[in-house]
Amino acid sequence: MPSYFELVRHNGNGDLFQAVELSLSALAEGQPFHLHVEGLRGTGKTTIMRAVKDILPPIVRIKNCLYNCDPAKPHCPEHRCLSAQEIQEIGSETIPCPFLEISQSAKIGTVVGTIDLAKLTDKMSPAASILPGTIVQAHRGIIFVDEINRLADTSPELADVLLDVMGTKPGRIQIEETGMPAVELPLAVTVWAASNPDEDPGALAQVRRQLSDRFDALVTMGRPNDYLAVHSILENRCKSDITPSDYPAFSIPVGLEKISVSKEIRNVLASIYVDFSLESLRAVQAMEMAAALQAVRGGKPQVTLDEIIQVVPLTLGHRVDHATVTNILKYLTHLNHPVLPVSQQANEVVPTPAAIGKQQSGSNPEQLSWWRSLWENLKKRASTNKAPETQPKNSQAGTGGGSSGGRGSSPQQQTADPLQMTIHAPRAKATPLAKLPVDKFISEDENRG
């Protein structure tokens, strides 16, 4: 397995590296940020995710606790009722951050938990006890599920467990065994998953839409499309003399609790949710959290529209169609437009989300601008040809003849009758067409047959 630092970054996997590091920042702060990556087989999705084990920060737990209890916040049945003094007497230890996987053949007992047969059959002190499963032992760490679309299709019970774990933050899990009381535990587990949407049974959003919505971000993995990237990938596979000391220093940016989100930004998120008819509130919650993590990554003290724009494709790509994502980005781009000079502010209108949604994707901005200008000029010329509010001297009220049309006494403006107007001939003769600068007024299409 190549190290995280040996992996080649190219235009196809850049979004995955970004999303992985955002999720790691959240994990370091004790906040799960669930991540799903889709893409063609063999493009390196699972390789990148598994290589993250090299850079995961260690955790401190109560000594020998299989539930990975934080000494400051114990949560397991054995330690949550103990005092701080008793926990101190037990002691603590530092272990690698958990990174565990759930396979397609996993059973519900191994994933959630089952009876601890070793303790039950202990001749010296037999006791009925629960042996925590994979998800429970991944508390404060990462669970990775490869081909999650297949798991959701063939193991609906495991999909239901993931729904409970990912439904809230922190999540929850309930361990049940016949003859023993149910044990419910809070869990802070980050779930990562990968899938090939072009293979059976299809994309996760089609197989289990509810589970797809649980993921905060969806990344579409691409293939490298330049020779140098492929050459570098092949070259790195042949390297065997790299040692950990050769790796660059890597630190996970933290400081999520210091990032402020203004009222204006939350108003924008609320507007997106309502005006673009998003279904799940998790969509805007994921946008806010991802934007805050992006601000941490960029060393900024607060969330701005720049961060919101950057995370929209990640957080909404699996929740709405491509056209809606595009319109949301247009809306945010208009809001983030620099302030215009005072002379132009009166004519500049920021489009609403509803107006953007009605725009046709094939509209030509230059063509629309030309027609708008023509229409404005026609309206101005029409207004100059209107008769004054007072009646002309030669009109007769109520006669129904002439240009009044029976409305001579009306105070409203009237359109002048061309037959009643005096037309003056031009002062000079018109220029013949042959003498006009053709190249200035007439263009030719060379490709026209």
Protein backbone atom coordinates (compact mmCIF):
# COMPACT_ATOMS: atom_id res chain seq x y z
CA MET A 1 0.00 0.00 0.00
CA PRO A 2 1.59 3.34 -1.04
CA SER A 3 1.91 6.09 1.51
CA TYR A 4 -0.40 9.09 1.40
CA PHE A 5 2.59 11.25 0.49
CA GLU A 6 3.56 9.02 -2.44
CA LEU A 7 0.20 9.36 -4.14
CA VAL A 8 0.17 11.39 -7.35
CA ARG A 9 -2.29 14.27 -7.47
CA HIS A 10 -3.85 15.04 -10.82
CA ASN A 11 -6.90 16.80 -12.20
CA GLY A 12 -9.05 13.71 -11.71
CA ASN A 13 -8.47 13.18 -7.98
CA GLY A 14 -7.95 16.72 -6.72
CA ASP A 15 -11.49 16.98 -5.35
CA LEU A 16 -11.07 13.73 -3.40
CA PHE A 17 -7.87 14.94 -1.74
CA GLN A 18 -9.64 18.17 -0.81
CA ALA A 19 -12.67 16.36 0.64
CA VAL A 20 -10.52 13.87 2.55
CA GLU A 21 -8.54 16.63 4.22
CA LEU A 22 -11.73 18.53 5.08
CA SER A 23 -13.05 15.38 6.74
CA LEU A 24 -9.79 14.91 8.65
CA SER A 25 -10.03 18.46 10.01
CA ALA A 26 -13.54 17.69 11.27
CA LEU A 27 -12.38 14.37 12.77
CA ALA A 28 -9.59 16.12 14.67
CA GLU A 29 -12.26 18.36 16.24
CA GLY A 30 -14.53 15.42 17.14
CA GLN A 31 -17.06 16.27 14.39
CA PRO A 32 -17.96 13.56 11.85
CA PHE A 33 -17.95 14.65 8.20
CA HIS A 34 -19.19 11.73 6.11
CA LEU A 35 -17.70 11.28 2.65
CA HIS A 36 -18.73 9.23 -0.40
CA VAL A 37 -16.68 8.94 -3.58
CA GLU A 38 -17.97 7.60 -6.89
CA GLY A 39 -15.97 6.81 -10.00
CA LEU A 40 -14.76 4.27 -12.49
CA ARG A 41 -13.07 1.15 -11.18
CA GLY A 42 -9.30 1.24 -10.95
CA THR A 43 -8.96 5.02 -10.66
CA GLY A 44 -7.55 4.92 -7.11
CA LYS A 45 -10.54 5.77 -4.91
CA THR A 46 -9.91 3.18 -2.21
CA THR A 47 -6.14 3.62 -2.49
CA ILE A 48 -6.36 7.26 -1.48
CA MET A 49 -8.81 6.60 1.35
CA ARG A 50 -6.85 3.71 2.83
CA ALA A 51 -3.58 5.64 2.59
CA VAL A 52 -5.01 8.24 4.98
CA LYS A 53 -4.10 5.89 7.85
CA ASP A 54 -0.56 7.30 7.57
CA ILE A 55 -1.64 10.77 8.66
CA LEU A 56 -4.43 10.08 11.16
CA PRO A 57 -3.74 11.72 14.53
CA PRO A 58 -3.54 9.35 17.54
CA ILE A 59 -6.21 9.38 20.23
CA VAL A 60 -6.08 9.01 24.01
CA ARG A 61 -8.49 6.52 25.57
CA ILE A 62 -9.14 4.88 28.92
CA LYS A 63 -6.69 2.02 29.26
CA ASN A 64 -7.82 -1.18 27.50
CA CYS A 65 -11.28 0.23 26.69
CA LEU A 66 -12.62 -1.49 23.57
CA TYR A 67 -15.11 1.35 23.13
CA ASN A 68 -12.30 3.97 22.89
CA CYS A 69 -13.70 6.03 25.76
CA ASP A 70 -12.32 9.54 26.02
CA PRO A 71 -11.07 9.91 29.63
CA ALA A 72 -12.77 13.32 29.78
CA LYS A 73 -16.09 12.01 28.37
CA PRO A 74 -16.53 8.27 29.00
CA HIS A 75 -19.55 6.80 27.21
CA CYS A 76 -19.34 3.00 27.41
CA PRO A 77 -21.32 0.85 29.88
CA GLU A 78 -18.19 0.09 31.89
CA HIS A 79 -16.89 3.63 32.41
CA ARG A 80 -19.66 6.20 31.95
CA CYS A 81 -20.76 5.96 35.59
CA LEU A 82 -17.26 6.21 37.06
CA SER A 83 -15.94 9.33 38.74
CA ALA A 84 -12.96 11.26 37.44
CA GLN A 85 -10.87 9.86 40.30
CA GLU A 86 -11.76 6.27 39.42
CA ILE A 87 -10.95 6.85 35.75
CA GLN A 88 -7.63 8.35 36.72
CA GLU A 89 -6.82 5.26 38.76
CA ILE A 90 -7.54 3.04 35.74
CA GLY A 91 -5.18 5.13 33.63
CA SER A 92 -5.10 6.11 29.97
CA GLU A 93 -3.18 5.20 26.85
CA THR A 94 -2.44 6.61 23.40
CA ILE A 95 -3.42 4.48 20.41
CA PRO A 96 -3.57 5.00 16.64
CA CYS A 97 -6.80 6.54 15.41
CA PRO A 98 -9.18 3.71 14.44
CA PHE A 99 -9.58 3.04 10.72
CA LEU A 100 -11.79 -0.03 10.30
CA GLU A 101 -13.59 -1.50 7.29
CA ILE A 102 -16.94 -3.19 6.72
CA SER A 103 -16.87 -5.81 3.99
CA GLN A 104 -19.68 -7.05 1.76
CA SER A 105 -19.82 -10.35 3.68
CA ALA A 106 -19.97 -8.77 7.14
CA LYS A 107 -22.62 -10.00 9.57
CA ILE A 108 -24.78 -7.79 11.74
CA GLY A 109 -23.22 -9.22 14.92
CA THR A 110 -19.65 -8.44 13.86
CA VAL A 111 -20.61 -4.93 12.78
CA VAL A 112 -22.77 -3.94 15.75
CA GLY A 113 -21.82 -6.30 18.57
CA THR A 114 -22.65 -9.64 20.11
CA ILE A 115 -22.25 -11.69 23.30
CA ASP A 116 -18.65 -11.95 24.48
CA LEU A 117 -18.22 -15.73 24.54
CA ALA A 118 -14.77 -15.51 26.11
CA LYS A 119 -16.14 -13.84 29.23
CA LEU A 120 -19.25 -15.99 29.25
CA THR A 121 -17.20 -19.22 29.29
CA ASP A 122 -14.53 -18.00 31.70
CA LYS A 123 -14.27 -20.75 34.37
CA MET A 124 -12.96 -18.40 37.05
CA SER A 125 -15.52 -15.58 36.69
CA PRO A 126 -18.09 -16.17 33.97
CA ALA A 127 -20.09 -13.08 33.06
CA ALA A 128 -22.58 -12.08 30.42
CA SER A 129 -21.03 -9.22 28.51
CA ILE A 130 -21.25 -7.50 25.12
CA LEU A 131 -18.36 -7.69 22.67
CA PRO A 132 -18.47 -4.42 20.68
CA GLY A 133 -18.56 -4.73 16.91
CA THR A 134 -16.62 -2.93 14.20
CA ILE A 135 -18.63 0.30 14.26
CA VAL A 136 -18.52 0.54 18.06
CA GLN A 137 -14.76 0.01 18.11
CA ALA A 138 -14.34 2.76 15.49
CA HIS A 139 -15.58 5.44 17.92
CA ARG A 140 -13.55 8.66 17.38
CA GLY A 141 -12.21 7.21 14.14
CA ILE A 142 -13.21 6.22 10.60
CA ILE A 143 -15.32 3.41 9.15
CA PHE A 144 -14.65 2.67 5.48
CA VAL A 145 -17.20 0.83 3.31
CA ASP A 146 -16.11 -0.18 -0.18
CA GLU A 147 -18.82 -0.74 -2.82
CA ILE A 148 -21.47 0.69 -0.55
CA ASN A 149 -24.06 0.54 -3.32
CA ARG A 150 -23.77 -3.26 -3.34
CA LEU A 151 -23.93 -3.43 0.45
CA ALA A 152 -27.08 -1.30 0.50
CA ASP A 153 -28.65 -3.64 -2.06
CA THR A 154 -27.66 -7.02 -0.56
CA SER A 155 -27.52 -6.18 3.17
CA PRO A 156 -30.41 -3.84 4.03
CA GLU A 157 -29.90 -4.55 7.76
CA LEU A 158 -26.38 -3.14 7.64
CA ALA A 159 -27.66 -0.16 5.67
CA ASP A 160 -30.19 0.47 8.45
CA VAL A 161 -27.37 0.42 11.01
CA LEU A 162 -25.46 3.02 8.99
CA LEU A 163 -28.60 5.15 8.80
CA ASP A 164 -28.77 5.21 12.61
CA VAL A 165 -25.07 5.93 13.01
CA MET A 166 -25.11 8.75 10.43
CA GLY A 167 -28.56 10.12 11.22
CA THR A 168 -27.39 12.57 13.87
CA LYS A 169 -24.09 14.03 15.05
CA PRO A 170 -23.00 12.36 17.24
CA GLY A 171 -24.71 9.23 15.99
CA ARG A 172 -26.13 6.37 17.97
CA ILE A 173 -26.16 2.59 17.90
CA GLN A 174 -28.14 -0.02 19.81
CA ILE A 175 -26.77 -3.47 20.62
CA GLU A 176 -29.38 -6.14 21.24
CA GLU A 177 -28.92 -9.78 22.23
CA THR A 178 -31.49 -12.31 23.42
CA GLY A 179 -31.63 -12.52 27.19
CA MET A 180 -29.65 -9.29 27.74
CA PRO A 181 -30.77 -5.70 28.12
CA ALA A 182 -30.32 -3.51 25.06
CA VAL A 183 -27.29 -1.24 25.15
CA GLU A 184 -27.52 2.15 23.43
CA LEU A 185 -24.34 4.09 22.81
CA PRO A 186 -23.55 7.53 21.39
CA LEU A 187 -20.95 7.34 18.62
CA ALA A 188 -18.71 9.87 16.94
CA VAL A 189 -17.80 7.86 13.84
CA THR A 190 -16.84 9.27 10.46
CA VAL A 191 -18.12 7.12 7.59
CA TRP A 192 -16.24 7.01 4.30
CA ALA A 193 -17.51 5.00 1.35
CA ALA A 194 -16.66 4.27 -2.27
CA SER A 195 -18.70 2.88 -5.14
CA ASN A 196 -18.75 2.30 -8.89
CA PRO A 197 -22.07 3.77 -10.08
CA ASP A 198 -21.76 2.26 -13.56
CA GLU A 199 -21.89 -1.28 -12.17
CA ASP A 200 -24.77 -3.24 -10.66
CA PRO A 201 -26.88 -2.33 -8.78
CA GLY A 202 -26.25 1.29 -9.85
CA ALA A 203 -25.58 4.53 -8.02
CA LEU A 204 -26.23 4.65 -4.28
CA ALA A 205 -28.76 7.47 -4.77
CA GLN A 206 -30.84 5.04 -6.85
CA VAL A 207 -30.39 2.03 -4.55
CA ARG A 208 -30.92 3.75 -1.20
CA ARG A 209 -31.57 7.47 -1.55
CA GLN A 210 -31.99 7.95 2.19
CA LEU A 211 -28.51 6.54 2.85
CA SER A 212 -27.03 8.68 0.07
CA ASP A 213 -28.41 11.81 1.75
CA ARG A 214 -26.62 10.90 4.99
CA PHE A 215 -23.26 11.66 3.38
CA ASP A 216 -22.17 15.26 3.79
CA ALA A 217 -20.19 15.28 0.55
CA LEU A 218 -20.05 13.34 -2.69
CA VAL A 219 -16.91 13.35 -4.82
CA THR A 220 -16.85 12.21 -8.43
CA MET A 221 -13.47 10.64 -9.09
CA GLY A 222 -11.94 11.21 -12.50
CA ARG A 223 -9.15 9.53 -14.41
CA PRO A 224 -5.83 11.24 -15.18
CA ASN A 225 -5.82 12.71 -18.67
CA ASP A 226 -2.20 13.76 -19.09
CA TYR A 227 0.90 11.69 -19.77
CA LEU A 228 3.00 13.07 -16.91
CA ALA A 229 0.46 12.04 -14.27
CA VAL A 230 0.28 8.47 -15.59
CA HIS A 231 4.07 8.32 -15.84
CA SER A 232 4.43 9.51 -12.23
CA ILE A 233 1.92 6.91 -11.01
CA LEU A 234 3.87 4.12 -12.72
CA GLU A 235 7.17 5.45 -11.43
CA ASN A 236 5.96 5.59 -7.82
CA ARG A 237 4.92 1.93 -7.98
CA CYS A 238 8.55 0.99 -8.60
CA LYS A 239 9.98 2.94 -5.67
CA SER A 240 11.05 0.84 -2.69
CA ASP A 241 13.65 3.01 -0.98
CA ILE A 242 11.27 5.59 0.52
CA THR A 243 11.30 5.73 4.32
CA PRO A 244 8.89 7.57 6.64
CA SER A 245 11.60 10.15 7.33
CA ASP A 246 11.44 11.16 3.67
CA TYR A 247 7.79 12.17 3.95
CA PRO A 248 7.00 15.88 4.26
CA ALA A 249 5.64 17.20 7.53
CA PHE A 250 1.86 17.13 7.56
CA SER A 251 -0.42 18.74 10.10
CA ILE A 252 -4.20 18.64 10.05
CA PRO A 253 -5.58 22.20 10.29
CA VAL A 254 -7.87 22.67 13.28
CA GLY A 255 -9.87 25.56 14.75
CA LEU A 256 -13.42 24.81 13.67
CA GLU A 257 -14.91 26.24 16.87
CA LYS A 258 -13.25 29.60 16.14
CA ILE A 259 -14.83 30.01 12.71
CA SER A 260 -17.77 32.42 12.73
CA VAL A 261 -20.76 32.21 10.41
CA SER A 262 -22.52 35.55 9.97
CA LYS A 263 -26.25 36.13 9.85
CA GLU A 264 -25.94 37.18 6.21
CA ILE A 265 -24.34 33.86 5.23
CA ARG A 266 -27.07 31.91 7.01
CA ASN A 267 -29.67 34.04 5.21
CA VAL A 268 -28.07 33.03 1.91
CA LEU A 269 -28.17 29.35 2.91
CA ALA A 270 -31.82 29.69 3.93
CA SER A 271 -32.61 31.36 0.61
CA ILE A 272 -30.94 28.51 -1.29
CA TYR A 273 -32.92 25.91 0.65
CA VAL A 274 -36.30 27.61 0.13
CA ASP A 275 -35.99 29.15 -3.33
CA PHE A 276 -34.31 26.17 -4.98
CA SER A 277 -36.68 23.67 -3.30
CA LEU A 278 -34.05 21.49 -1.62
CA GLU A 279 -35.59 18.48 0.10
CA SER A 280 -33.26 17.71 3.00
CA LEU A 281 -32.12 20.18 5.62
CA ARG A 282 -28.90 18.16 5.75
CA ALA A 283 -28.02 19.85 2.46
CA VAL A 284 -27.62 23.32 3.94
CA GLN A 285 -26.17 21.93 7.18
CA ALA A 286 -23.49 20.15 5.16
CA MET A 287 -22.86 23.33 3.14
CA GLU A 288 -22.31 25.36 6.30
CA MET A 289 -20.00 22.80 7.89
CA ALA A 290 -18.01 22.21 4.71
CA ALA A 291 -17.61 25.96 4.20
CA ALA A 292 -16.40 26.35 7.80
CA LEU A 293 -13.89 23.53 7.28
CA GLN A 294 -12.77 25.20 4.06
CA ALA A 295 -12.23 28.42 6.01
CA VAL A 296 -10.11 26.49 8.54
CA ARG A 297 -8.11 25.02 5.69
CA GLY A 298 -7.60 28.47 4.18
CA GLY A 299 -6.69 30.13 7.49
CA LYS A 300 -9.71 32.45 7.48
CA PRO A 301 -11.59 33.57 10.62
CA GLN A 302 -15.08 33.40 9.12
CA VAL A 303 -17.13 31.87 6.33
CA THR A 304 -17.60 33.97 3.20
CA LEU A 305 -19.40 33.42 -0.09
CA ASP A 306 -16.11 32.20 -1.56
CA GLU A 307 -16.16 29.16 0.73
CA ILE A 308 -19.85 28.52 0.03
CA ILE A 309 -19.21 28.56 -3.73
CA GLN A 310 -16.30 26.13 -3.35
CA VAL A 311 -18.31 23.49 -1.47
CA VAL A 312 -21.62 23.61 -3.38
CA PRO A 313 -20.65 20.86 -5.89
CA LEU A 314 -19.39 18.61 -3.07
CA THR A 315 -22.41 18.95 -0.80
CA LEU A 316 -25.24 19.17 -3.34
CA GLY A 317 -24.08 16.94 -6.19
CA HIS A 318 -25.89 13.87 -4.80
CA ARG A 319 -28.98 15.76 -3.62
CA VAL A 320 -30.11 17.78 -6.66
CA ASP A 321 -29.63 17.61 -10.42
CA HIS A 322 -26.79 19.26 -12.29
CA ALA A 323 -28.95 22.14 -13.57
CA THR A 324 -29.94 23.12 -10.02
CA VAL A 325 -26.31 23.06 -8.87
CA THR A 326 -25.41 25.30 -11.82
CA ASN A 327 -28.19 27.78 -11.02
CA ILE A 328 -27.20 27.91 -7.35
CA LEU A 329 -23.63 28.69 -8.36
CA LYS A 330 -24.91 31.46 -10.68
CA TYR A 331 -26.95 32.91 -7.84
CA LEU A 332 -23.99 32.88 -5.43
CA THR A 333 -21.70 34.37 -8.08
CA HIS A 334 -24.09 37.29 -8.58
CA LEU A 335 -24.22 37.88 -4.83
CA ASN A 336 -20.44 37.81 -4.68
CA HIS A 337 -20.07 40.30 -7.57
CA PRO A 338 -17.87 43.33 -6.74
CA VAL A 339 -19.67 46.60 -5.90
CA LEU A 340 -20.43 48.63 -9.02
CA PRO A 341 -19.79 52.37 -9.39
CA VAL A 342 -22.60 54.57 -8.09
CA SER A 343 -23.55 55.62 -11.62
CA GLN A 344 -24.31 51.98 -12.52
CA GLN A 345 -25.92 50.75 -9.32
CA ALA A 346 -29.38 52.05 -10.30
CA ASN A 347 -29.39 49.94 -13.47
CA GLU A 348 -27.84 46.80 -11.96
CA VAL A 349 -30.39 44.25 -10.79
CA VAL A 350 -29.21 41.16 -8.87
CA PRO A 351 -31.27 38.23 -10.15
CA THR A 352 -33.27 36.22 -7.66
CA PRO A 353 -32.91 32.45 -7.44
CA ALA A 354 -36.34 32.07 -9.07
CA ALA A 355 -35.31 34.26 -12.00
CA ILE A 356 -32.08 32.33 -12.49
CA GLY A 357 -33.96 29.05 -12.45
CA LYS A 358 -36.16 30.23 -15.34
CA GLN A 359 -33.25 31.16 -17.58
CA GLN A 360 -32.64 28.85 -20.51
CA SER A 361 -29.27 27.17 -20.50
CA GLY A 362 -28.76 27.97 -24.21
CA SER A 363 -29.41 31.74 -24.01
CA ASN A 364 -26.81 34.02 -25.58
CA PRO A 365 -26.05 37.00 -23.24
CA GLU A 366 -24.93 39.23 -26.13
CA GLN A 367 -28.08 38.47 -28.11
CA LEU A 368 -30.32 39.19 -25.12
CA SER A 369 -28.49 42.46 -24.50
CA TRP A 370 -28.98 43.54 -28.15
CA TRP A 371 -32.73 42.88 -28.08
CA ARG A 372 -33.09 44.60 -24.71
CA SER A 373 -31.32 47.70 -26.08
CA LEU A 374 -33.51 47.70 -29.20
CA TRP A 375 -36.67 47.44 -27.11
CA GLU A 376 -35.62 50.34 -24.87
CA ASN A 377 -34.95 52.55 -27.91
CA LEU A 378 -38.33 51.69 -29.44
CA LYS A 379 -40.08 52.59 -26.19
CA LYS A 380 -38.27 55.94 -26.02
CA ARG A 381 -39.21 56.80 -29.62
CA ALA A 382 -42.81 55.80 -29.04
CA SER A 383 -43.03 58.05 -25.99
CA THR A 384 -41.78 61.08 -28.00
CA ASN A 385 -44.59 60.60 -30.56
CA LYS A 386 -47.35 60.77 -27.97
CA ALA A 387 -49.62 63.80 -28.03
CA PRO A 388 -49.61 66.19 -25.05
CA GLU A 389 -52.14 65.77 -22.29
CA THR A 390 -54.12 68.86 -23.42
CA GLN A 391 -56.36 68.65 -26.46
CA PRO A 392 -55.08 69.95 -29.82
CA LYS A 393 -56.78 73.12 -30.94
CA ASN A 394 -58.30 71.50 -34.03
CA SER A 395 -59.82 68.55 -32.10
CA GLN A 396 -63.43 68.48 -31.06
CA ALA A 397 -64.44 66.70 -27.89
CA GLY A 398 -67.08 64.03 -28.14
CA THR A 399 -67.39 64.17 -31.94
CA GLY A 400 -65.87 60.78 -32.46
CA GLY A 401 -63.95 62.02 -35.50
CA GLY A 402 -60.40 63.07 -36.23
CA SER A 403 -57.59 61.80 -34.09
CA SER A 404 -59.51 61.96 -30.84
CA GLY A 405 -61.49 58.84 -31.57
CA GLY A 406 -64.30 60.09 -29.31
CA ARG A 407 -61.93 60.69 -26.37
CA GLY A 408 -61.01 64.31 -26.87
CA SER A 409 -62.02 65.23 -23.35
CA SER A 410 -59.92 62.48 -21.75
CA PRO A 411 -56.94 63.75 -19.71
CA GLN A 412 -54.86 60.72 -20.77
CA GLN A 413 -52.10 60.94 -23.33
CA GLN A 414 -53.09 60.10 -26.89
CA THR A 415 -51.11 58.67 -29.76
CA ALA A 416 -50.85 61.16 -32.64
CA ASP A 417 -52.55 60.22 -35.89
CA PRO A 418 -49.88 60.03 -38.65
CA LEU A 419 -52.43 61.43 -41.14
CA GLN A 420 -52.77 64.58 -39.02
CA MET A 421 -49.00 65.16 -38.63
CA THR A 422 -46.90 67.56 -40.71
CA ILE A 423 -43.96 65.74 -42.31
CA HIS A 424 -40.90 67.73 -43.35
CA ALA A 425 -38.63 66.57 -46.12
CA PRO A 426 -34.97 65.96 -45.22
CA ARG A 427 -32.62 68.88 -45.72
CA ALA A 428 -30.19 66.87 -47.83
CA LYS A 429 -30.51 64.03 -50.28
CA ALA A 430 -30.04 60.52 -48.98
CA THR A 431 -26.68 58.87 -49.63
CA PRO A 432 -26.87 56.08 -52.21
CA LEU A 433 -26.28 52.58 -50.86
CA ALA A 434 -23.34 52.14 -53.19
CA LYS A 435 -21.49 54.94 -51.40
CA LEU A 436 -22.01 53.55 -47.87
CA PRO A 437 -19.00 51.89 -46.13
CA VAL A 438 -20.07 48.29 -46.65
CA ASP A 439 -17.44 46.80 -44.34
CA LYS A 440 -18.80 48.84 -41.43
CA PHE A 441 -22.49 48.05 -41.73
CA ILE A 442 -22.58 44.68 -43.50
CA SER A 443 -20.83 41.46 -42.46
CA GLU A 444 -20.49 38.36 -44.58
CA ASP A 445 -20.53 34.76 -43.37
CA GLU A 446 -17.75 33.03 -45.26
CA ASN A 447 -19.00 29.61 -44.21
CA ARG A 448 -22.47 30.15 -45.67
CA GLY A 449 -23.10 27.87 -48.63
